[in-house]
Amino acid sequence: MVDRDKIQFDLIKLLNGERILRLTEPQSGLSLKKKLASADAVVRQKEKLLGIFEAALAQTELTKV
């Protein structure tokens, strides 16, 4: 299982004011990006994306066997 503390979070602000949240796990190289909805809280969107990201990491570990 991947250590949650090793997942890197980047909040990128684009010139037009939109924001993108990028999650990266350095050991596997897996990365996930999502444009954030301005109407929703960033923390809530981050937790939802983290859940999806962790599921994807778990899936990749299962396929390594």
PDB file of N, CA and C in Angstrom:
ATOM      1  N   MET A   1       0.844  -1.189   0.000  1.00  0.00           N
ATOM      2  CA  MET A   1       0.000   0.000   0.000  1.00  0.00           C
ATOM      3  C   MET A   1       0.884   1.245   0.000  1.00  0.00           C
ATOM      4  N   VAL A   2       0.474   2.247  -0.717  1.00  0.00           N
ATOM      5  CA  VAL A   2       1.231   3.486  -0.836  1.00  0.00           C
ATOM      6  C   VAL A   2       0.995   4.351   0.397  1.00  0.00           C
ATOM      7  N   ASP A   3       2.071   4.980   0.857  1.00  0.00           N
ATOM      8  CA  ASP A   3       1.996   5.875   2.003  1.00  0.00           C
ATOM      9  C   ASP A   3       1.323   7.178   1.571  1.00  0.00           C
ATOM     10  N   ARG A   4       0.227   7.517   2.233  1.00  0.00           N
ATOM     11  CA  ARG A   4      -0.545   8.722   1.883  1.00  0.00           C
ATOM     12  C   ARG A   4       0.300   9.992   2.027  1.00  0.00           C
ATOM     13  N   ASP A   5       1.288   9.972   2.924  1.00  0.00           N
ATOM     14  CA  ASP A   5       2.129  11.147   3.153  1.00  0.00           C
ATOM     15  C   ASP A   5       3.074  11.431   1.989  1.00  0.00           C
ATOM     16  N   LYS A   6       3.295  10.448   1.125  1.00  0.00           N
ATOM     17  CA  LYS A   6       4.205  10.641   0.000  1.00  0.00           C
ATOM     18  C   LYS A   6       3.520  11.221  -1.228  1.00  0.00           C
ATOM     19  N   ILE A   7       2.196  11.306  -1.203  1.00  0.00           N
ATOM     20  CA  ILE A   7       1.464  11.878  -2.338  1.00  0.00           C
ATOM     21  C   ILE A   7       1.667  13.387  -2.331  1.00  0.00           C
ATOM     22  N   GLN A   8       2.062  13.900  -3.483  1.00  0.00           N
ATOM     23  CA  GLN A   8       2.325  15.333  -3.624  1.00  0.00           C
ATOM     24  C   GLN A   8       1.089  16.022  -4.199  1.00  0.00           C
ATOM     25  N   PHE A   9       0.770  17.184  -3.644  1.00  0.00           N
ATOM     26  CA  PHE A   9      -0.367  17.980  -4.096  1.00  0.00           C
ATOM     27  C   PHE A   9       0.151  19.287  -4.682  1.00  0.00           C
ATOM     28  N   ASP A  10      -0.338  19.639  -5.863  1.00  0.00           N
ATOM     29  CA  ASP A  10      -0.006  20.920  -6.478  1.00  0.00           C
ATOM     30  C   ASP A  10      -1.302  21.615  -6.848  1.00  0.00           C
ATOM     31  N   LEU A  11      -1.465  22.842  -6.393  1.00  0.00           N
ATOM     32  CA  LEU A  11      -2.603  23.669  -6.773  1.00  0.00           C
ATOM     33  C   LEU A  11      -2.085  24.687  -7.772  1.00  0.00           C
ATOM     34  N   ILE A  12      -2.554  24.577  -8.999  1.00  0.00           N
ATOM     35  CA  ILE A  12      -2.053  25.413 -10.091  1.00  0.00           C
ATOM     36  C   ILE A  12      -3.135  26.413 -10.466  1.00  0.00           C
ATOM     37  N   LYS A  13      -2.779  27.694 -10.458  1.00  0.00           N
ATOM     38  CA  LYS A  13      -3.719  28.736 -10.854  1.00  0.00           C
ATOM     39  C   LYS A  13      -3.371  29.181 -12.273  1.00  0.00           C
ATOM     40  N   LEU A  14      -4.358  29.083 -13.158  1.00  0.00           N
ATOM     41  CA  LEU A  14      -4.164  29.458 -14.549  1.00  0.00           C
ATOM     42  C   LEU A  14      -4.380  30.964 -14.729  1.00  0.00           C
ATOM     43  N   LEU A  15      -3.926  31.488 -15.856  1.00  0.00           N
ATOM     44  CA  LEU A  15      -4.044  32.923 -16.121  1.00  0.00           C
ATOM     45  C   LEU A  15      -5.497  33.404 -16.140  1.00  0.00           C
ATOM     46  N   ASN A  16      -6.403  32.535 -16.543  1.00  0.00           N
ATOM     47  CA  ASN A  16      -7.812  32.931 -16.608  1.00  0.00           C
ATOM     48  C   ASN A  16      -8.521  32.807 -15.250  1.00  0.00           C
ATOM     49  N   GLY A  17      -7.784  32.455 -14.198  1.00  0.00           N
ATOM     50  CA  GLY A  17      -8.336  32.368 -12.853  1.00  0.00           C
ATOM     51  C   GLY A  17      -8.784  30.975 -12.448  1.00  0.00           C
ATOM     52  N   GLU A  18      -8.858  30.052 -13.385  1.00  0.00           N
ATOM     53  CA  GLU A  18      -9.230  28.685 -13.043  1.00  0.00           C
ATOM     54  C   GLU A  18      -8.098  28.013 -12.276  1.00  0.00           C
ATOM     55  N   ARG A  19      -8.451  26.974 -11.512  1.00  0.00           N
ATOM     56  CA  ARG A  19      -7.460  26.258 -10.721  1.00  0.00           C
ATOM     57  C   ARG A  19      -7.494  24.779 -11.061  1.00  0.00           C
ATOM     58  N   ILE A  20      -6.315  24.171 -11.040  1.00  0.00           N
ATOM     59  CA  ILE A  20      -6.174  22.745 -11.288  1.00  0.00           C
ATOM     60  C   ILE A  20      -5.471  22.137 -10.086  1.00  0.00           C
ATOM     61  N   LEU A  21      -5.987  21.012  -9.625  1.00  0.00           N
ATOM     62  CA  LEU A  21      -5.352  20.265  -8.544  1.00  0.00           C
ATOM     63  C   LEU A  21      -4.688  19.044  -9.161  1.00  0.00           C
ATOM     64  N   ARG A  22      -3.390  18.888  -8.895  1.00  0.00           N
ATOM     65  CA  ARG A  22      -2.645  17.738  -9.422  1.00  0.00           C
ATOM     66  C   ARG A  22      -2.101  16.929  -8.255  1.00  0.00           C
ATOM     67  N   LEU A  23      -2.343  15.629  -8.289  1.00  0.00           N
ATOM     68  CA  LEU A  23      -1.818  14.699  -7.292  1.00  0.00           C
ATOM     69  C   LEU A  23      -0.816  13.799  -7.989  1.00  0.00           C
ATOM     70  N   THR A  24       0.341  13.588  -7.351  1.00  0.00           N
ATOM     71  CA  THR A  24       1.391  12.765  -7.928  1.00  0.00           C
ATOM     72  C   THR A  24       1.976  11.874  -6.850  1.00  0.00           C
ATOM     73  N   GLU A  25       2.212  10.622  -7.205  1.00  0.00           N
ATOM     74  CA  GLU A  25       2.897   9.687  -6.314  1.00  0.00           C
ATOM     75  C   GLU A  25       4.245   9.413  -6.957  1.00  0.00           C
ATOM     76  N   PRO A  26       5.342   9.908  -6.353  1.00  0.00           N
ATOM     77  CA  PRO A  26       6.650   9.864  -6.999  1.00  0.00           C
ATOM     78  C   PRO A  26       7.186   8.467  -7.313  1.00  0.00           C
ATOM     79  N   GLN A  27       6.923   7.492  -6.466  1.00  0.00           N
ATOM     80  CA  GLN A  27       7.484   6.154  -6.668  1.00  0.00           C
ATOM     81  C   GLN A  27       6.898   5.486  -7.908  1.00  0.00           C
ATOM     82  N   SER A  28       5.589   5.576  -8.074  1.00  0.00           N
ATOM     83  CA  SER A  28       4.941   4.936  -9.221  1.00  0.00           C
ATOM     84  C   SER A  28       4.892   5.843 -10.441  1.00  0.00           C
ATOM     85  N   GLY A  29       4.986   7.154 -10.206  1.00  0.00           N
ATOM     86  CA  GLY A  29       4.882   8.106 -11.298  1.00  0.00           C
ATOM     87  C   GLY A  29       3.446   8.418 -11.688  1.00  0.00           C
ATOM     88  N   LEU A  30       2.485   7.840 -10.978  1.00  0.00           N
ATOM     89  CA  LEU A  30       1.082   8.075 -11.288  1.00  0.00           C
ATOM     90  C   LEU A  30       0.710   9.513 -10.930  1.00  0.00           C
ATOM     91  N   SER A  31      -0.022  10.155 -11.832  1.00  0.00           N
ATOM     92  CA  SER A  31      -0.437  11.531 -11.628  1.00  0.00           C
ATOM     93  C   SER A  31      -1.886  11.681 -12.060  1.00  0.00           C
ATOM     94  N   LEU A  32      -2.614  12.538 -11.355  1.00  0.00           N
ATOM     95  CA  LEU A  32      -4.015  12.779 -11.657  1.00  0.00           C
ATOM     96  C   LEU A  32      -4.260  14.274 -11.536  1.00  0.00           C
ATOM     97  N   LYS A  33      -4.914  14.854 -12.564  1.00  0.00           N
ATOM     98  CA  LYS A  33      -5.220  16.284 -12.553  1.00  0.00           C
ATOM     99  C   LYS A  33      -6.713  16.481 -12.738  1.00  0.00           C
ATOM    100  N   LYS A  34      -7.231  17.539 -12.080  1.00  0.00           N
ATOM    101  CA  LYS A  34      -8.642  17.861 -12.225  1.00  0.00           C
ATOM    102  C   LYS A  34      -8.821  19.362 -12.076  1.00  0.00           C
ATOM    103  N   LYS A  35      -9.633  19.922 -12.964  1.00  0.00           N
ATOM    104  CA  LYS A  35      -9.979  21.333 -12.851  1.00  0.00           C
ATOM    105  C   LYS A  35     -10.971  21.479 -11.706  1.00  0.00           C
ATOM    106  N   LEU A  36     -10.714  22.412 -10.806  1.00  0.00           N
ATOM    107  CA  LEU A  36     -11.565  22.590  -9.631  1.00  0.00           C
ATOM    108  C   LEU A  36     -12.775  23.457  -9.958  1.00  0.00           C
ATOM    109  N   ALA A  37     -13.891  23.122  -9.353  1.00  0.00           N
ATOM    110  CA  ALA A  37     -15.101  23.930  -9.483  1.00  0.00           C
ATOM    111  C   ALA A  37     -14.991  25.099  -8.511  1.00  0.00           C
ATOM    112  N   SER A  38     -15.152  26.299  -9.012  1.00  0.00           N
ATOM    113  CA  SER A  38     -14.977  27.479  -8.158  1.00  0.00           C
ATOM    114  C   SER A  38     -16.063  27.594  -7.095  1.00  0.00           C
ATOM    115  N   ALA A  39     -17.216  26.976  -7.309  1.00  0.00           N
ATOM    116  CA  ALA A  39     -18.321  27.072  -6.357  1.00  0.00           C
ATOM    117  C   ALA A  39     -18.153  26.137  -5.156  1.00  0.00           C
ATOM    118  N   ASP A  40     -17.308  25.107  -5.276  1.00  0.00           N
ATOM    119  CA  ASP A  40     -17.132  24.129  -4.204  1.00  0.00           C
ATOM    120  C   ASP A  40     -15.845  24.384  -3.429  1.00  0.00           C
ATOM    121  N   ALA A  41     -15.832  23.989  -2.166  1.00  0.00           N
ATOM    122  CA  ALA A  41     -14.647  24.159  -1.319  1.00  0.00           C
ATOM    123  C   ALA A  41     -13.500  23.290  -1.838  1.00  0.00           C
ATOM    124  N   VAL A  42     -12.302  23.844  -1.846  1.00  0.00           N
ATOM    125  CA  VAL A  42     -11.118  23.127  -2.340  1.00  0.00           C
ATOM    126  C   VAL A  42     -10.854  21.885  -1.500  1.00  0.00           C
ATOM    127  N   VAL A  43     -11.026  21.985  -0.192  1.00  0.00           N
ATOM    128  CA  VAL A  43     -10.756  20.854   0.708  1.00  0.00           C
ATOM    129  C   VAL A  43     -11.641  19.658   0.350  1.00  0.00           C
ATOM    130  N   ARG A  44     -12.904  19.910   0.104  1.00  0.00           N
ATOM    131  CA  ARG A  44     -13.831  18.830  -0.239  1.00  0.00           C
ATOM    132  C   ARG A  44     -13.443  18.186  -1.571  1.00  0.00           C
ATOM    133  N   GLN A  45     -13.083  19.000  -2.547  1.00  0.00           N
ATOM    134  CA  GLN A  45     -12.682  18.481  -3.848  1.00  0.00           C
ATOM    135  C   GLN A  45     -11.367  17.710  -3.742  1.00  0.00           C
ATOM    136  N   LYS A  46     -10.461  18.198  -2.883  1.00  0.00           N
ATOM    137  CA  LYS A  46      -9.176  17.532  -2.680  1.00  0.00           C
ATOM    138  C   LYS A  46      -9.382  16.144  -2.084  1.00  0.00           C
ATOM    139  N   GLU A  47     -10.246  16.023  -1.084  1.00  0.00           N
ATOM    140  CA  GLU A  47     -10.505  14.733  -0.448  1.00  0.00           C
ATOM    141  C   GLU A  47     -11.144  13.753  -1.423  1.00  0.00           C
ATOM    142  N   LYS A  48     -12.066  14.239  -2.241  1.00  0.00           N
ATOM    143  CA  LYS A  48     -12.718  13.374  -3.222  1.00  0.00           C
ATOM    144  C   LYS A  48     -11.701  12.870  -4.250  1.00  0.00           C
ATOM    145  N   LEU A  49     -10.861  13.772  -4.742  1.00  0.00           N
ATOM    146  CA  LEU A  49      -9.844  13.401  -5.723  1.00  0.00           C
ATOM    147  C   LEU A  49      -8.811  12.466  -5.102  1.00  0.00           C
ATOM    148  N   LEU A  50      -8.484  12.675  -3.837  1.00  0.00           N
ATOM    149  CA  LEU A  50      -7.538  11.805  -3.143  1.00  0.00           C
ATOM    150  C   LEU A  50      -8.084  10.380  -3.040  1.00  0.00           C
ATOM    151  N   GLY A  51      -9.370  10.237  -2.769  1.00  0.00           N
ATOM    152  CA  GLY A  51      -9.988   8.914  -2.715  1.00  0.00           C
ATOM    153  C   GLY A  51      -9.889   8.191  -4.051  1.00  0.00           C
ATOM    154  N   ILE A  52     -10.150   8.915  -5.136  1.00  0.00           N
ATOM    155  CA  ILE A  52     -10.049   8.341  -6.479  1.00  0.00           C
ATOM    156  C   ILE A  52      -8.608   7.956  -6.777  1.00  0.00           C
ATOM    157  N   PHE A  53      -7.680   8.826  -6.402  1.00  0.00           N
ATOM    158  CA  PHE A  53      -6.255   8.604  -6.653  1.00  0.00           C
ATOM    159  C   PHE A  53      -5.754   7.378  -5.891  1.00  0.00           C
ATOM    160  N   GLU A  54      -6.156   7.258  -4.634  1.00  0.00           N
ATOM    161  CA  GLU A  54      -5.734   6.103  -3.833  1.00  0.00           C
ATOM    162  C   GLU A  54      -6.295   4.803  -4.409  1.00  0.00           C
ATOM    163  N   ALA A  55      -7.516   4.850  -4.919  1.00  0.00           N
ATOM    164  CA  ALA A  55      -8.102   3.664  -5.547  1.00  0.00           C
ATOM    165  C   ALA A  55      -7.317   3.288  -6.809  1.00  0.00           C
ATOM    166  N   ALA A  56      -6.898   4.280  -7.574  1.00  0.00           N
ATOM    167  CA  ALA A  56      -6.108   4.014  -8.780  1.00  0.00           C
ATOM    168  C   ALA A  56      -4.747   3.425  -8.409  1.00  0.00           C
ATOM    169  N   LEU A  57      -4.137   3.939  -7.345  1.00  0.00           N
ATOM    170  CA  LEU A  57      -2.854   3.403  -6.889  1.00  0.00           C
ATOM    171  C   LEU A  57      -3.007   1.960  -6.425  1.00  0.00           C
ATOM    172  N   ALA A  58      -4.077   1.676  -5.707  1.00  0.00           N
ATOM    173  CA  ALA A  58      -4.323   0.309  -5.244  1.00  0.00           C
ATOM    174  C   ALA A  58      -4.525  -0.621  -6.432  1.00  0.00           C
ATOM    175  N   GLN A  59      -5.212  -0.152  -7.441  1.00  0.00           N
ATOM    176  CA  GLN A  59      -5.442  -0.957  -8.647  1.00  0.00           C
ATOM    177  C   GLN A  59      -4.127  -1.272  -9.362  1.00  0.00           C
ATOM    178  N   THR A  60      -3.221  -0.275  -9.434  1.00  0.00           N
ATOM    179  CA  THR A  60      -1.938  -0.525 -10.092  1.00  0.00           C
ATOM    180  C   THR A  60      -1.101  -1.514  -9.305  1.00  0.00           C
ATOM    181  N   GLU A  61      -1.209  -1.477  -7.967  1.00  0.00           N
ATOM    182  CA  GLU A  61      -0.468  -2.440  -7.156  1.00  0.00           C
ATOM    183  C   GLU A  61      -1.015  -3.846  -7.342  1.00  0.00           C
ATOM    184  N   LEU A  62      -2.310  -3.977  -7.547  1.00  0.00           N
ATOM    185  CA  LEU A  62      -2.903  -5.299  -7.784  1.00  0.00           C
ATOM    186  C   LEU A  62      -2.470  -5.870  -9.119  1.00  0.00           C
ATOM    187  N   THR A  63      -2.278  -5.026 -10.101  1.00  0.00           N
ATOM    188  CA  THR A  63      -1.893  -5.510 -11.428  1.00  0.00           C
ATOM    189  C   THR A  63      -0.408  -5.851 -11.516  1.00  0.00           C
ATOM    190  N   LYS A  64       0.388  -5.450 -10.515  1.00  0.00           N
ATOM    191  CA  LYS A  64       1.824  -5.765 -10.507  1.00  0.00           C
ATOM    192  C   LYS A  64       2.076  -7.233 -10.215  1.00  0.00           C
ATOM    193  N   VAL A  65       1.122  -7.898  -9.605  1.00  0.00           N
ATOM    194  CA  VAL A  65       1.301  -9.302  -9.178  1.00  0.00           C
ATOM    195  C   VAL A  65       1.403 -10.215 -10.326  1.00  0.00           C
TER     196      VAL A  65
END
